[in-house]
Amino acid sequence: MKNMILLCLTVALAAMLFASGCNTVRGMGKDLEQGGKQLQDVSSR
């Protein structure tokens, strides 16, 4: 019984870490995209 609870907690923790990692990568992608747009604006002047 204790092993099953430990397994469930471990899986839940891994899922939370994976989900937070996805949000971080998505945010970084948006930042890079915004920076690229600004570079394009400056270079087209």
C-alpha atoms as a PDB file:
ATOM      1  CA  MET A   1       0.000   0.000   0.000  1.00  0.00           C
ATOM      2  CA  LYS A   2       2.787   2.435   0.898  1.00  0.00           C
ATOM      3  CA  ASN A   3       4.586   1.632  -2.348  1.00  0.00           C
ATOM      4  CA  MET A   4       1.448   2.496  -4.344  1.00  0.00           C
ATOM      5  CA  ILE A   5       1.080   5.850  -2.568  1.00  0.00           C
ATOM      6  CA  LEU A   6       4.751   6.627  -3.165  1.00  0.00           C
ATOM      7  CA  LEU A   7       4.389   5.731  -6.831  1.00  0.00           C
ATOM      8  CA  CYS A   8       1.321   7.969  -7.212  1.00  0.00           C
ATOM      9  CA  LEU A   9       3.089  10.894  -5.548  1.00  0.00           C
ATOM     10  CA  THR A  10       6.145  10.418  -7.749  1.00  0.00           C
ATOM     11  CA  VAL A  11       4.038  10.362 -10.921  1.00  0.00           C
ATOM     12  CA  ALA A  12       2.115  13.462  -9.814  1.00  0.00           C
ATOM     13  CA  LEU A  13       5.353  15.328  -9.086  1.00  0.00           C
ATOM     14  CA  ALA A  14       6.819  14.362 -12.463  1.00  0.00           C
ATOM     15  CA  ALA A  15       3.645  15.520 -14.219  1.00  0.00           C
ATOM     16  CA  MET A  16       3.766  18.891 -12.461  1.00  0.00           C
ATOM     17  CA  LEU A  17       7.428  19.389 -13.388  1.00  0.00           C
ATOM     18  CA  PHE A  18       6.718  18.461 -17.010  1.00  0.00           C
ATOM     19  CA  ALA A  19       3.759  20.868 -17.206  1.00  0.00           C
ATOM     20  CA  SER A  20       5.728  23.754 -15.725  1.00  0.00           C
ATOM     21  CA  GLY A  21       8.553  23.083 -18.157  1.00  0.00           C
ATOM     22  CA  CYS A  22       6.169  23.355 -21.093  1.00  0.00           C
ATOM     23  CA  ASN A  23       4.905  26.714 -19.887  1.00  0.00           C
ATOM     24  CA  THR A  24       8.452  27.987 -19.494  1.00  0.00           C
ATOM     25  CA  VAL A  25       9.458  26.938 -23.011  1.00  0.00           C
ATOM     26  CA  ARG A  26       6.291  28.482 -24.457  1.00  0.00           C
ATOM     27  CA  GLY A  27       7.045  31.775 -22.698  1.00  0.00           C
ATOM     28  CA  MET A  28      10.626  31.749 -23.903  1.00  0.00           C
ATOM     29  CA  GLY A  29       9.416  31.173 -27.463  1.00  0.00           C
ATOM     30  CA  LYS A  30       7.109  34.173 -27.247  1.00  0.00           C
ATOM     31  CA  ASP A  31       9.960  36.339 -25.944  1.00  0.00           C
ATOM     32  CA  LEU A  32      12.236  35.251 -28.786  1.00  0.00           C
ATOM     33  CA  GLU A  33       9.485  35.885 -31.317  1.00  0.00           C
ATOM     34  CA  GLN A  34       8.936  39.411 -29.980  1.00  0.00           C
ATOM     35  CA  GLY A  35      12.662  40.108 -30.119  1.00  0.00           C
ATOM     36  CA  GLY A  36      12.785  38.891 -33.721  1.00  0.00           C
ATOM     37  CA  LYS A  37       9.913  41.173 -34.697  1.00  0.00           C
ATOM     38  CA  GLN A  38      11.709  44.149 -33.174  1.00  0.00           C
ATOM     39  CA  LEU A  39      14.899  43.301 -35.077  1.00  0.00           C
ATOM     40  CA  GLN A  40      12.930  43.095 -38.312  1.00  0.00           C
ATOM     41  CA  ASP A  41      11.344  46.478 -37.620  1.00  0.00           C
ATOM     42  CA  VAL A  42      14.729  48.086 -36.968  1.00  0.00           C
ATOM     43  CA  SER A  43      16.371  46.520 -40.012  1.00  0.00           C
ATOM     44  CA  SER A  44      13.557  47.553 -42.371  1.00  0.00           C
ATOM     45  CA  ARG A  45      13.993  51.270 -41.548  1.00  0.00           C
END
